[in-house]
Amino acid sequence: MTSTKINNRQFDDNLINLDKEKTLNKEEVMFIDKRIASALLSTREAAMFLSVSPNALRIMVHRNQVKSYKLGKRLRFNLEDLLNLLRKKEA
């Protein structure tokens, strides 16, 4: 049997830890970084940013805990609104 040794640095470069529970690969992080630069985030992107599930985010919208914008049938989220929500949670 041959064993494959994985270099820890190589492994760490492929994954970026947001929390102990959530891990994103570099492509996902780059995608989010590009989208954050734009004005509005999709439900999936906003959920990833807040480290919650998309369904949990929809529940937060229904409870008026998060401000959202409707574009057609889709929900969109302003980055500044999400940052304000995080600031409130920290206080």
C-alpha atoms as a PDB file:
ATOM      1  CA  MET A   1       0.000   0.000   0.000  1.00  0.00           C
ATOM      2  CA  THR A   2       1.198   3.453  -0.774  1.00  0.00           C
ATOM      3  CA  SER A   3       0.245   6.351   1.393  1.00  0.00           C
ATOM      4  CA  THR A   4      -0.336   9.811   0.028  1.00  0.00           C
ATOM      5  CA  LYS A   5       1.033  12.587   2.128  1.00  0.00           C
ATOM      6  CA  ILE A   6      -0.892  15.843   1.930  1.00  0.00           C
ATOM      7  CA  ASN A   7       1.017  18.966   2.641  1.00  0.00           C
ATOM      8  CA  ASN A   8      -0.928  20.940   5.273  1.00  0.00           C
ATOM      9  CA  ARG A   9      -0.152  24.231   3.587  1.00  0.00           C
ATOM     10  CA  GLN A  10      -1.430  22.920   0.265  1.00  0.00           C
ATOM     11  CA  PHE A  11      -4.621  21.761   1.955  1.00  0.00           C
ATOM     12  CA  ASP A  12      -5.068  25.111   3.733  1.00  0.00           C
ATOM     13  CA  ASP A  13      -4.611  26.998   0.474  1.00  0.00           C
ATOM     14  CA  ASN A  14      -7.517  25.106  -1.071  1.00  0.00           C
ATOM     15  CA  LEU A  15      -9.911  25.797   1.789  1.00  0.00           C
ATOM     16  CA  ILE A  16     -10.670  28.958   3.664  1.00  0.00           C
ATOM     17  CA  ASN A  17     -12.345  28.586   7.042  1.00  0.00           C
ATOM     18  CA  LEU A  18     -15.089  31.073   7.875  1.00  0.00           C
ATOM     19  CA  ASP A  19     -16.200  29.283  11.010  1.00  0.00           C
ATOM     20  CA  LYS A  20     -15.348  25.981  12.542  1.00  0.00           C
ATOM     21  CA  GLU A  21     -18.511  24.655  10.862  1.00  0.00           C
ATOM     22  CA  LYS A  22     -18.325  26.295   7.412  1.00  0.00           C
ATOM     23  CA  THR A  23     -15.592  25.986   4.831  1.00  0.00           C
ATOM     24  CA  LEU A  24     -15.480  27.599   1.398  1.00  0.00           C
ATOM     25  CA  ASN A  25     -13.060  26.880  -1.373  1.00  0.00           C
ATOM     26  CA  LYS A  26     -11.110  29.687  -3.037  1.00  0.00           C
ATOM     27  CA  GLU A  27     -13.441  29.835  -6.052  1.00  0.00           C
ATOM     28  CA  GLU A  28     -16.465  30.431  -3.804  1.00  0.00           C
ATOM     29  CA  VAL A  29     -14.620  33.106  -1.845  1.00  0.00           C
ATOM     30  CA  MET A  30     -13.547  34.889  -5.036  1.00  0.00           C
ATOM     31  CA  PHE A  31     -17.122  34.707  -6.348  1.00  0.00           C
ATOM     32  CA  ILE A  32     -18.483  36.212  -3.132  1.00  0.00           C
ATOM     33  CA  ASP A  33     -15.800  38.918  -3.126  1.00  0.00           C
ATOM     34  CA  LYS A  34     -16.810  39.944  -6.654  1.00  0.00           C
ATOM     35  CA  ARG A  35     -20.515  39.938  -5.772  1.00  0.00           C
ATOM     36  CA  ILE A  36     -19.944  41.916  -2.568  1.00  0.00           C
ATOM     37  CA  ALA A  37     -18.458  44.651  -4.699  1.00  0.00           C
ATOM     38  CA  SER A  38     -21.806  44.894  -6.500  1.00  0.00           C
ATOM     39  CA  ALA A  39     -24.825  46.510  -4.885  1.00  0.00           C
ATOM     40  CA  LEU A  40     -27.143  43.560  -4.239  1.00  0.00           C
ATOM     41  CA  LEU A  41     -26.612  39.943  -3.194  1.00  0.00           C
ATOM     42  CA  SER A  42     -28.818  36.948  -3.951  1.00  0.00           C
ATOM     43  CA  THR A  43     -30.416  34.928  -1.157  1.00  0.00           C
ATOM     44  CA  ARG A  44     -27.716  32.253  -1.414  1.00  0.00           C
ATOM     45  CA  GLU A  45     -24.883  34.794  -1.371  1.00  0.00           C
ATOM     46  CA  ALA A  46     -26.376  36.741   1.540  1.00  0.00           C
ATOM     47  CA  ALA A  47     -26.907  33.512   3.483  1.00  0.00           C
ATOM     48  CA  MET A  48     -23.285  32.507   2.922  1.00  0.00           C
ATOM     49  CA  PHE A  49     -22.167  35.976   4.022  1.00  0.00           C
ATOM     50  CA  LEU A  50     -24.189  35.689   7.250  1.00  0.00           C
ATOM     51  CA  SER A  51     -23.253  32.019   7.767  1.00  0.00           C
ATOM     52  CA  VAL A  52     -26.883  30.902   7.838  1.00  0.00           C
ATOM     53  CA  SER A  53     -28.913  28.697   5.532  1.00  0.00           C
ATOM     54  CA  PRO A  54     -30.930  30.314   2.719  1.00  0.00           C
ATOM     55  CA  ASN A  55     -34.128  29.117   4.438  1.00  0.00           C
ATOM     56  CA  ALA A  56     -33.073  30.702   7.744  1.00  0.00           C
ATOM     57  CA  LEU A  57     -32.466  33.958   5.872  1.00  0.00           C
ATOM     58  CA  ARG A  58     -35.957  33.817   4.330  1.00  0.00           C
ATOM     59  CA  ILE A  59     -37.407  33.320   7.812  1.00  0.00           C
ATOM     60  CA  MET A  60     -35.447  36.354   9.032  1.00  0.00           C
ATOM     61  CA  VAL A  61     -36.920  38.375   6.148  1.00  0.00           C
ATOM     62  CA  HIS A  62     -40.443  37.210   7.042  1.00  0.00           C
ATOM     63  CA  ARG A  63     -39.857  38.303  10.661  1.00  0.00           C
ATOM     64  CA  ASN A  64     -38.551  41.701   9.456  1.00  0.00           C
ATOM     65  CA  GLN A  65     -35.133  41.038  10.973  1.00  0.00           C
ATOM     66  CA  VAL A  66     -33.381  41.619   7.632  1.00  0.00           C
ATOM     67  CA  LYS A  67     -34.227  44.201   5.007  1.00  0.00           C
ATOM     68  CA  SER A  68     -34.684  42.731   1.545  1.00  0.00           C
ATOM     69  CA  TYR A  69     -35.605  43.967  -1.916  1.00  0.00           C
ATOM     70  CA  LYS A  70     -37.816  42.154  -4.405  1.00  0.00           C
ATOM     71  CA  LEU A  71     -36.694  42.084  -8.015  1.00  0.00           C
ATOM     72  CA  GLY A  72     -39.450  40.221  -9.785  1.00  0.00           C
ATOM     73  CA  LYS A  73     -39.941  37.066  -7.732  1.00  0.00           C
ATOM     74  CA  ARG A  74     -36.377  37.114  -6.355  1.00  0.00           C
ATOM     75  CA  LEU A  75     -35.123  38.503  -3.066  1.00  0.00           C
ATOM     76  CA  ARG A  76     -32.006  40.654  -3.077  1.00  0.00           C
ATOM     77  CA  PHE A  77     -29.997  41.971  -0.139  1.00  0.00           C
ATOM     78  CA  ASN A  78     -27.919  45.112   0.247  1.00  0.00           C
ATOM     79  CA  LEU A  79     -24.472  44.478   1.713  1.00  0.00           C
ATOM     80  CA  GLU A  80     -24.729  47.498   4.005  1.00  0.00           C
ATOM     81  CA  ASP A  81     -27.986  46.163   5.488  1.00  0.00           C
ATOM     82  CA  LEU A  82     -26.310  42.812   6.183  1.00  0.00           C
ATOM     83  CA  LEU A  83     -23.327  44.503   7.808  1.00  0.00           C
ATOM     84  CA  ASN A  84     -25.697  46.525  10.021  1.00  0.00           C
ATOM     85  CA  LEU A  85     -27.402  43.292  11.078  1.00  0.00           C
ATOM     86  CA  LEU A  86     -24.034  41.793  12.058  1.00  0.00           C
ATOM     87  CA  ARG A  87     -23.148  44.932  14.018  1.00  0.00           C
ATOM     88  CA  LYS A  88     -26.444  44.691  15.933  1.00  0.00           C
ATOM     89  CA  LYS A  89     -25.719  41.056  16.822  1.00  0.00           C
ATOM     90  CA  GLU A  90     -22.271  42.002  18.167  1.00  0.00           C
ATOM     91  CA  ALA A  91     -23.639  44.757  20.402  1.00  0.00           C
END
